C-alpha atoms as a PDB file:
ATOM      1  CA  MET A   1      32.607  11.451  -1.879  1.00  0.00           C
ATOM      2  CA  ALA A   2      29.944   9.079   0.045  1.00  0.00           C
ATOM      3  CA  GLN A   3      27.044  10.708   1.919  1.00  0.00           C
ATOM      4  CA  THR A   4      27.049  10.977   5.197  1.00  0.00           C
ATOM      5  CA  ILE A   5      23.922   9.690   7.126  1.00  0.00           C
ATOM      6  CA  LEU A   6      23.611  10.258  10.992  1.00  0.00           C
ATOM      7  CA  VAL A   7      21.653   7.571  12.626  1.00  0.00           C
ATOM      8  CA  VAL A   8      20.416   8.744  16.027  1.00  0.00           C
ATOM      9  CA  ASP A   9      18.558   6.002  18.213  1.00  0.00           C
ATOM     10  CA  ASP A  10      18.853   4.880  21.864  1.00  0.00           C
ATOM     11  CA  GLU A  11      19.015   0.940  20.556  1.00  0.00           C
ATOM     12  CA  SER A  12      22.444   0.306  19.653  1.00  0.00           C
ATOM     13  CA  LYS A  13      21.273  -2.696  17.952  1.00  0.00           C
ATOM     14  CA  LEU A  14      18.585  -1.103  15.734  1.00  0.00           C
ATOM     15  CA  ARG A  15      21.555   1.698  14.763  1.00  0.00           C
ATOM     16  CA  ASP A  16      23.963  -1.075  14.168  1.00  0.00           C
ATOM     17  CA  LEU A  17      21.278  -2.946  11.748  1.00  0.00           C
ATOM     18  CA  ILE A  18      20.463   0.399   9.882  1.00  0.00           C
ATOM     19  CA  ARG A  19      24.428   0.883   9.406  1.00  0.00           C
ATOM     20  CA  VAL A  20      25.127  -2.185   7.919  1.00  0.00           C
ATOM     21  CA  TYR A  21      22.660  -1.694   5.193  1.00  0.00           C
ATOM     22  CA  LEU A  22      23.399   1.838   4.501  1.00  0.00           C
ATOM     23  CA  GLU A  23      26.945   1.122   4.458  1.00  0.00           C
ATOM     24  CA  GLN A  24      26.331  -1.655   1.667  1.00  0.00           C
ATOM     25  CA  GLU A  25      25.077   0.960  -0.240  1.00  0.00           C
ATOM     26  CA  GLY A  26      27.817   3.231  -0.347  1.00  0.00           C
ATOM     27  CA  TYR A  27      26.933   5.448   2.768  1.00  0.00           C
ATOM     28  CA  ARG A  28      29.232   6.928   5.348  1.00  0.00           C
ATOM     29  CA  VAL A  29      27.778   6.397   8.653  1.00  0.00           C
ATOM     30  CA  VAL A  30      27.838   8.139  11.936  1.00  0.00           C
ATOM     31  CA  GLU A  31      25.703   7.533  14.920  1.00  0.00           C
ATOM     32  CA  ALA A  32      24.272   8.721  18.226  1.00  0.00           C
ATOM     33  CA  GLY A  33      22.248   7.648  21.170  1.00  0.00           C
ATOM     34  CA  HIS A  34      20.053  10.446  21.718  1.00  0.00           C
ATOM     35  CA  GLY A  35      19.297  13.872  20.821  1.00  0.00           C
ATOM     36  CA  ARG A  36      22.012  15.941  22.789  1.00  0.00           C
ATOM     37  CA  GLU A  37      24.984  13.970  21.685  1.00  0.00           C
ATOM     38  CA  ALA A  38      23.322  14.095  18.095  1.00  0.00           C
ATOM     39  CA  LEU A  39      23.369  17.598  17.940  1.00  0.00           C
ATOM     40  CA  TYR A  40      27.373  17.799  18.450  1.00  0.00           C
ATOM     41  CA  VAL A  41      27.742  14.785  15.936  1.00  0.00           C
ATOM     42  CA  ALA A  42      25.375  17.067  13.190  1.00  0.00           C
ATOM     43  CA  ARG A  43      27.676  19.984  14.096  1.00  0.00           C
ATOM     44  CA  VAL A  44      30.924  18.244  13.587  1.00  0.00           C
ATOM     45  CA  GLU A  45      30.260  15.901  10.566  1.00  0.00           C
ATOM     46  CA  LYS A  46      27.424  17.956   8.648  1.00  0.00           C
ATOM     47  CA  PRO A  47      25.102  14.983   7.416  1.00  0.00           C
ATOM     48  CA  ASP A  48      23.770  14.955   4.305  1.00  0.00           C
ATOM     49  CA  LEU A  49      20.549  13.602   6.240  1.00  0.00           C
ATOM     50  CA  VAL A  50      19.480  12.192   9.725  1.00  0.00           C
ATOM     51  CA  ILE A  51      17.813   9.174  10.683  1.00  0.00           C
ATOM     52  CA  LEU A  52      15.707  10.369  14.306  1.00  0.00           C
ATOM     53  CA  ASP A  53      14.143   8.211  17.020  1.00  0.00           C
ATOM     54  CA  VAL A  54      11.267  10.140  18.801  1.00  0.00           C
ATOM     55  CA  MET A  55      11.616   8.613  21.712  1.00  0.00           C
ATOM     56  CA  MET A  56      14.910   8.943  23.744  1.00  0.00           C
ATOM     57  CA  PRO A  57      16.736   9.828  26.820  1.00  0.00           C
ATOM     58  CA  GLU A  58      18.481  13.599  27.553  1.00  0.00           C
ATOM     59  CA  MET A  59      16.934  14.280  24.626  1.00  0.00           C
ATOM     60  CA  GLY A  60      14.300  13.061  22.533  1.00  0.00           C
ATOM     61  CA  GLY A  61      13.512  13.724  18.842  1.00  0.00           C
ATOM     62  CA  PHE A  62      11.254  16.709  18.956  1.00  0.00           C
ATOM     63  CA  GLU A  63      13.672  18.638  21.133  1.00  0.00           C
ATOM     64  CA  PHE A  64      16.307  17.970  18.588  1.00  0.00           C
ATOM     65  CA  MET A  65      14.110  18.877  15.519  1.00  0.00           C
ATOM     66  CA  ARG A  66      13.713  22.450  17.496  1.00  0.00           C
ATOM     67  CA  ALA A  67      17.288  22.960  18.314  1.00  0.00           C
ATOM     68  CA  PHE A  68      18.736  21.615  14.906  1.00  0.00           C
ATOM     69  CA  GLY A  69      16.343  23.233  13.147  1.00  0.00           C
ATOM     70  CA  LYS A  70      17.811  26.678  13.976  1.00  0.00           C
ATOM     71  CA  GLU A  71      21.286  25.753  12.618  1.00  0.00           C
ATOM     72  CA  ALA A  72      20.741  23.515   9.521  1.00  0.00           C
ATOM     73  CA  SER A  73      18.057  22.526   6.745  1.00  0.00           C
ATOM     74  CA  THR A  74      19.178  18.794   6.530  1.00  0.00           C
ATOM     75  CA  PRO A  75      16.720  16.599   5.625  1.00  0.00           C
ATOM     76  CA  VAL A  76      15.325  14.520   8.407  1.00  0.00           C
ATOM     77  CA  ILE A  77      13.645  10.802   8.357  1.00  0.00           C
ATOM     78  CA  MET A  78      11.662  10.248  11.924  1.00  0.00           C
ATOM     79  CA  LEU A  79      11.332   7.167  13.569  1.00  0.00           C
ATOM     80  CA  THR A  80       8.849   6.018  15.971  1.00  0.00           C
ATOM     81  CA  ALA A  81       7.214   2.917  17.939  1.00  0.00           C
ATOM     82  CA  LYS A  82       4.244   5.124  18.188  1.00  0.00           C
ATOM     83  CA  VAL A  83       1.402   5.091  15.752  1.00  0.00           C
ATOM     84  CA  ASP A  84      -0.676   8.593  16.926  1.00  0.00           C
ATOM     85  CA  ASP A  85      -1.093  10.742  13.666  1.00  0.00           C
ATOM     86  CA  SER A  86      -0.720  13.866  16.202  1.00  0.00           C
ATOM     87  CA  ASP A  87       3.056  12.809  16.576  1.00  0.00           C
ATOM     88  CA  LYS A  88       3.639  12.207  12.721  1.00  0.00           C
ATOM     89  CA  ILE A  89       1.951  15.614  12.351  1.00  0.00           C
ATOM     90  CA  VAL A  90       4.511  17.501  15.063  1.00  0.00           C
ATOM     91  CA  GLY A  91       7.132  15.667  13.206  1.00  0.00           C
ATOM     92  CA  LEU A  92       6.264  17.340  10.149  1.00  0.00           C
ATOM     93  CA  GLU A  93       5.514  20.592  11.121  1.00  0.00           C
ATOM     94  CA  LEU A  94       8.970  20.597  12.626  1.00  0.00           C
ATOM     95  CA  GLY A  95      10.678  20.053   9.492  1.00  0.00           C
ATOM     96  CA  ALA A  96      10.683  16.160   9.243  1.00  0.00           C
ATOM     97  CA  ASP A  97      10.685  14.712   5.628  1.00  0.00           C
ATOM     98  CA  ASP A  98       9.312  11.605   6.095  1.00  0.00           C
ATOM     99  CA  TYR A  99       8.021   9.315   8.929  1.00  0.00           C
ATOM    100  CA  VAL A 100       8.649   5.407   9.654  1.00  0.00           C
ATOM    101  CA  THR A 101       6.892   3.749  12.356  1.00  0.00           C
ATOM    102  CA  LYS A 102       8.781   1.072  14.059  1.00  0.00           C
ATOM    103  CA  PRO A 103       8.600  -2.356  13.373  1.00  0.00           C
ATOM    104  CA  PHE A 104      10.090  -1.487  10.037  1.00  0.00           C
ATOM    105  CA  ASN A 105      11.685  -3.151   7.009  1.00  0.00           C
ATOM    106  CA  VAL A 106      14.931  -1.735   6.585  1.00  0.00           C
ATOM    107  CA  ARG A 107      14.948  -2.231   2.942  1.00  0.00           C
ATOM    108  CA  GLU A 108      12.107  -0.087   2.682  1.00  0.00           C
ATOM    109  CA  LEU A 109      13.815   2.392   5.421  1.00  0.00           C
ATOM    110  CA  ILE A 110      17.046   2.898   2.981  1.00  0.00           C
ATOM    111  CA  ALA A 111      14.539   3.133  -0.006  1.00  0.00           C
ATOM    112  CA  ARG A 112      13.149   6.219   1.766  1.00  0.00           C
ATOM    113  CA  VAL A 113      16.485   7.430   2.586  1.00  0.00           C
ATOM    114  CA  ARG A 114      17.147   7.489  -1.074  1.00  0.00           C
ATOM    115  CA  ALA A 115      13.926   9.119  -1.977  1.00  0.00           C
ATOM    116  CA  VAL A 116      14.573  11.941   0.280  1.00  0.00           C
ATOM    117  CA  LEU A 117      18.517  12.634  -0.705  1.00  0.00           C
ATOM    118  CA  ARG A 118      16.810  12.555  -4.714  1.00  0.00           C
ATOM    119  CA  ARG A 119      14.012  14.996  -3.576  1.00  0.00           C
ATOM    120  CA  THR A 120      16.134  17.628  -1.914  1.00  0.00           C
ATOM    121  CA  GLN A 121      19.031  17.214  -4.532  1.00  0.00           C
ATOM    122  CA  ARG A 122      16.851  18.437  -7.303  1.00  0.00           C
ATOM    123  CA  GLY A 123      17.026  21.903  -6.867  1.00  0.00           C
ATOM    124  CA  THR A 124      20.452  21.451  -8.395  1.00  0.00           C
ATOM    125  CA  ALA A 125      20.220  21.873 -11.965  1.00  0.00           C
ATOM    126  CA  GLU A 126      21.966  18.893 -13.823  1.00  0.00           C
ATOM    127  CA  PRO A 127      23.135  19.828 -17.247  1.00  0.00           C
ATOM    128  CA  ASP A 128      22.132  18.791 -20.640  1.00  0.00           C
ATOM    129  CA  LEU A 129      25.487  17.989 -22.475  1.00  0.00           C
ATOM    130  CA  LEU A 130      27.957  15.784 -20.631  1.00  0.00           C
ATOM    131  CA  ARG A 131      31.473  14.916 -21.672  1.00  0.00           C
ATOM    132  CA  ALA A 132      33.923  12.454 -20.472  1.00  0.00           C
ATOM    133  CA  PHE A 133      36.812  11.053 -22.363  1.00  0.00           C
ATOM    134  CA  ASP A 134      35.369  10.738 -25.935  1.00  0.00           C
ATOM    135  CA  ILE A 135      32.060  10.576 -24.969  1.00  0.00           C
ATOM    136  CA  VAL A 136      29.092  13.380 -25.374  1.00  0.00           C
ATOM    137  CA  LEU A 137      25.559  12.216 -24.014  1.00  0.00           C
ATOM    138  CA  ASP A 138      23.170  15.285 -24.756  1.00  0.00           C
ATOM    139  CA  ARG A 139      19.695  14.851 -22.471  1.00  0.00           C
ATOM    140  CA  ALA A 140      17.900  17.291 -24.051  1.00  0.00           C
ATOM    141  CA  GLY A 141      18.325  15.822 -27.948  1.00  0.00           C
ATOM    142  CA  CYS A 142      18.427  12.040 -26.086  1.00  0.00           C
ATOM    143  CA  THR A 143      21.675  11.325 -28.269  1.00  0.00           C
ATOM    144  CA  VAL A 144      24.954  10.036 -27.254  1.00  0.00           C
ATOM    145  CA  LYS A 145      28.205   9.920 -29.548  1.00  0.00           C
ATOM    146  CA  VAL A 146      31.445   7.987 -28.909  1.00  0.00           C
ATOM    147  CA  ALA A 147      34.333   8.971 -30.752  1.00  0.00           C
ATOM    148  CA  ASP A 148      32.291  10.978 -32.944  1.00  0.00           C
ATOM    149  CA  GLN A 149      29.956   7.892 -33.801  1.00  0.00           C
ATOM    150  CA  PHE A 150      26.352   8.037 -32.785  1.00  0.00           C
ATOM    151  CA  ILE A 151      25.269   4.908 -30.645  1.00  0.00           C
ATOM    152  CA  ASP A 152      21.813   3.735 -30.180  1.00  0.00           C
ATOM    153  CA  LEU A 153      21.024   2.903 -26.574  1.00  0.00           C
ATOM    154  CA  THR A 154      17.748   1.505 -24.715  1.00  0.00           C
ATOM    155  CA  PRO A 155      15.934   4.361 -22.403  1.00  0.00           C
ATOM    156  CA  SER A 156      17.541   2.273 -19.315  1.00  0.00           C
ATOM    157  CA  GLU A 157      21.153   2.587 -20.809  1.00  0.00           C
ATOM    158  CA  PHE A 158      20.571   5.820 -21.735  1.00  0.00           C
ATOM    159  CA  GLU A 159      19.696   6.872 -18.295  1.00  0.00           C
ATOM    160  CA  ILE A 160      22.116   4.911 -16.299  1.00  0.00           C
ATOM    161  CA  LEU A 161      24.833   6.631 -18.433  1.00  0.00           C
ATOM    162  CA  ALA A 162      23.726  10.143 -17.624  1.00  0.00           C
ATOM    163  CA  THR A 163      23.825   9.135 -14.117  1.00  0.00           C
ATOM    164  CA  LEU A 164      27.115   7.657 -14.078  1.00  0.00           C
ATOM    165  CA  MET A 165      28.720  10.496 -16.061  1.00  0.00           C
ATOM    166  CA  ALA A 166      26.961  13.150 -14.004  1.00  0.00           C
ATOM    167  CA  ALA A 167      28.938  12.329 -11.194  1.00  0.00           C
ATOM    168  CA  GLN A 168      32.401  11.100 -12.728  1.00  0.00           C
ATOM    169  CA  GLY A 169      34.027   8.689 -10.027  1.00  0.00           C
ATOM    170  CA  GLN A 170      31.075   8.336  -7.853  1.00  0.00           C
ATOM    171  CA  VAL A 171      29.969   4.660  -6.766  1.00  0.00           C
ATOM    172  CA  PHE A 172      26.469   4.172  -7.603  1.00  0.00           C
ATOM    173  CA  SER A 173      24.624   0.613  -6.445  1.00  0.00           C
ATOM    174  CA  ARG A 174      22.263  -1.349  -8.338  1.00  0.00           C
ATOM    175  CA  LEU A 175      19.312   0.140  -6.271  1.00  0.00           C
ATOM    176  CA  ASP A 176      20.821   3.512  -6.938  1.00  0.00           C
ATOM    177  CA  LEU A 177      20.514   2.897 -10.505  1.00  0.00           C
ATOM    178  CA  LEU A 178      17.211   1.163 -10.534  1.00  0.00           C
ATOM    179  CA  ASP A 179      15.813   4.142  -8.883  1.00  0.00           C
ATOM    180  CA  ARG A 180      17.043   6.506 -11.563  1.00  0.00           C
ATOM    181  CA  MET A 181      15.653   3.943 -13.867  1.00  0.00           C
ATOM    182  CA  SER A 182      11.819   3.438 -12.305  1.00  0.00           C
ATOM    183  CA  GLY A 183      11.474   5.928  -9.444  1.00  0.00           C
ATOM    184  CA  ASN A 184      11.436   2.956  -7.075  1.00  0.00           C
ATOM    185  CA  ALA A 185      13.648   0.304  -6.317  1.00  0.00           C
ATOM    186  CA  TYR A 186      12.541  -3.585  -5.925  1.00  0.00           C
ATOM    187  CA  ASP A 187      14.769  -6.204  -4.242  1.00  0.00           C
ATOM    188  CA  GLY A 188      14.014  -8.699  -6.917  1.00  0.00           C
ATOM    189  CA  TYR A 189      14.994  -6.460 -10.312  1.00  0.00           C
ATOM    190  CA  GLU A 190      18.288  -5.519  -8.729  1.00  0.00           C
ATOM    191  CA  ARG A 191      20.395  -7.957 -11.064  1.00  0.00           C
ATOM    192  CA  THR A 192      18.621  -6.351 -14.136  1.00  0.00           C
ATOM    193  CA  ILE A 193      21.302  -3.452 -13.616  1.00  0.00           C
ATOM    194  CA  ASP A 194      23.974  -5.878 -14.372  1.00  0.00           C
ATOM    195  CA  VAL A 195      22.274  -6.818 -17.658  1.00  0.00           C
ATOM    196  CA  HIS A 196      21.749  -3.367 -18.554  1.00  0.00           C
ATOM    197  CA  ILE A 197      25.590  -2.521 -17.979  1.00  0.00           C
ATOM    198  CA  ARG A 198      26.799  -5.422 -20.053  1.00  0.00           C
ATOM    199  CA  ASN A 199      24.638  -4.198 -22.874  1.00  0.00           C
ATOM    200  CA  LEU A 200      25.891  -0.450 -22.227  1.00  0.00           C
ATOM    201  CA  ARG A 201      29.377  -1.720 -22.423  1.00  0.00           C
ATOM    202  CA  THR A 202      29.308  -3.678 -25.617  1.00  0.00           C
ATOM    203  CA  LYS A 203      28.104  -0.300 -27.211  1.00  0.00           C
ATOM    204  CA  ILE A 204      30.529   2.122 -25.841  1.00  0.00           C
ATOM    205  CA  GLU A 205      33.497   0.291 -24.572  1.00  0.00           C
ATOM    206  CA  PRO A 206      36.505  -0.420 -26.740  1.00  0.00           C
ATOM    207  CA  ASP A 207      37.104  -3.351 -25.158  1.00  0.00           C
ATOM    208  CA  PRO A 208      33.884  -4.418 -23.191  1.00  0.00           C
ATOM    209  CA  ARG A 209      35.570  -7.407 -21.678  1.00  0.00           C
ATOM    210  CA  HIS A 210      37.941  -4.824 -19.992  1.00  0.00           C
ATOM    211  CA  PRO A 211      35.810  -1.614 -19.546  1.00  0.00           C
ATOM    212  CA  LYS A 212      37.567   1.468 -19.686  1.00  0.00           C
ATOM    213  CA  TYR A 213      34.764   4.008 -19.078  1.00  0.00           C
ATOM    214  CA  ILE A 214      32.280   1.915 -16.567  1.00  0.00           C
ATOM    215  CA  GLU A 215      34.238   0.396 -13.698  1.00  0.00           C
ATOM    216  CA  THR A 216      32.889  -1.977 -11.301  1.00  0.00           C
ATOM    217  CA  VAL A 217      33.336  -1.444  -7.599  1.00  0.00           C
ATOM    218  CA  TYR A 218      33.137  -5.056  -6.372  1.00  0.00           C
ATOM    219  CA  GLY A 219      30.756  -5.292  -3.519  1.00  0.00           C
ATOM    220  CA  MET A 220      29.329  -1.657  -4.316  1.00  0.00           C
ATOM    221  CA  GLY A 221      28.488  -1.120  -7.602  1.00  0.00           C
ATOM    222  CA  TYR A 222      29.461   1.089 -10.453  1.00  0.00           C
ATOM    223  CA  ARG A 223      31.045   4.374 -11.220  1.00  0.00           C
ATOM    224  CA  PHE A 224      32.260   6.406 -13.966  1.00  0.00           C
ATOM    225  CA  ALA A 225      35.903   6.357 -14.708  1.00  0.00           C
ATOM    226  CA  PRO A 226      36.954   9.440 -12.590  1.00  0.00           C
ATOM    227  CA  ALA A 227      38.975  12.071 -14.916  1.00  0.00           C
ATOM    228  CA  LYS A 228      42.702  11.770 -14.050  1.00  0.00           C
ATOM    229  CA  ALA A 229      44.188  14.715 -12.937  1.00  0.00           C
ATOM    230  CA  PRO A 230      46.742  16.369 -16.007  1.00  0.00           C
ATOM    231  CA  THR A 231      50.793  15.209 -14.769  1.00  0.00           C
ATOM    232  CA  ASP A 232      53.524  17.497 -14.915  1.00  0.00           C
ATOM    233  CA  ARG A 233      55.839  17.364 -17.506  1.00  0.00           C
END
């Protein structure tokens, strides 16, 4: 299920721009034009992260943080046209997880969204042993078996496979996978993921030309084939 991002800014064109980029990365986006509207949307939609402007009519970002912080611990990235460090300090003291100064590169904002979500999800322990179909991946031992045969993978291939298997059925963009490999995403290297996926399929798929395990979701990225519910007999 796609993660939900709430974008709060009184500039509709900026909200639209951010929404387009986020949706391209597979996120679900909801919007609000000021803090008071954002409180309502957040209560209904339960977002996984909030991108929040500071200067807005009716209710600004700081007021929203004071009210919303009493209700939820959702991570927040604050946006501001100001460069005064005191504003940044206030935002962080109110619980903001990151701070971006306008004008900004939207690709950088998306990278920060991924980084904040990754940090907040680290508290959930991931199992060392992953099983799907006839593949067994052991994080601790750094081994992969397909149909009881050990398969040699490069570190990058191993990390991609572990990421996909740990969230069966979830779509990961190229930048998501690149983040998992290197910790940072760079626009010029997104297509290297395609090479790693091709090599990985050659090693684990019965027929790499018709992949059974690693599926391409066109226009979005890749996913490990979701487990199928048993059929009634």
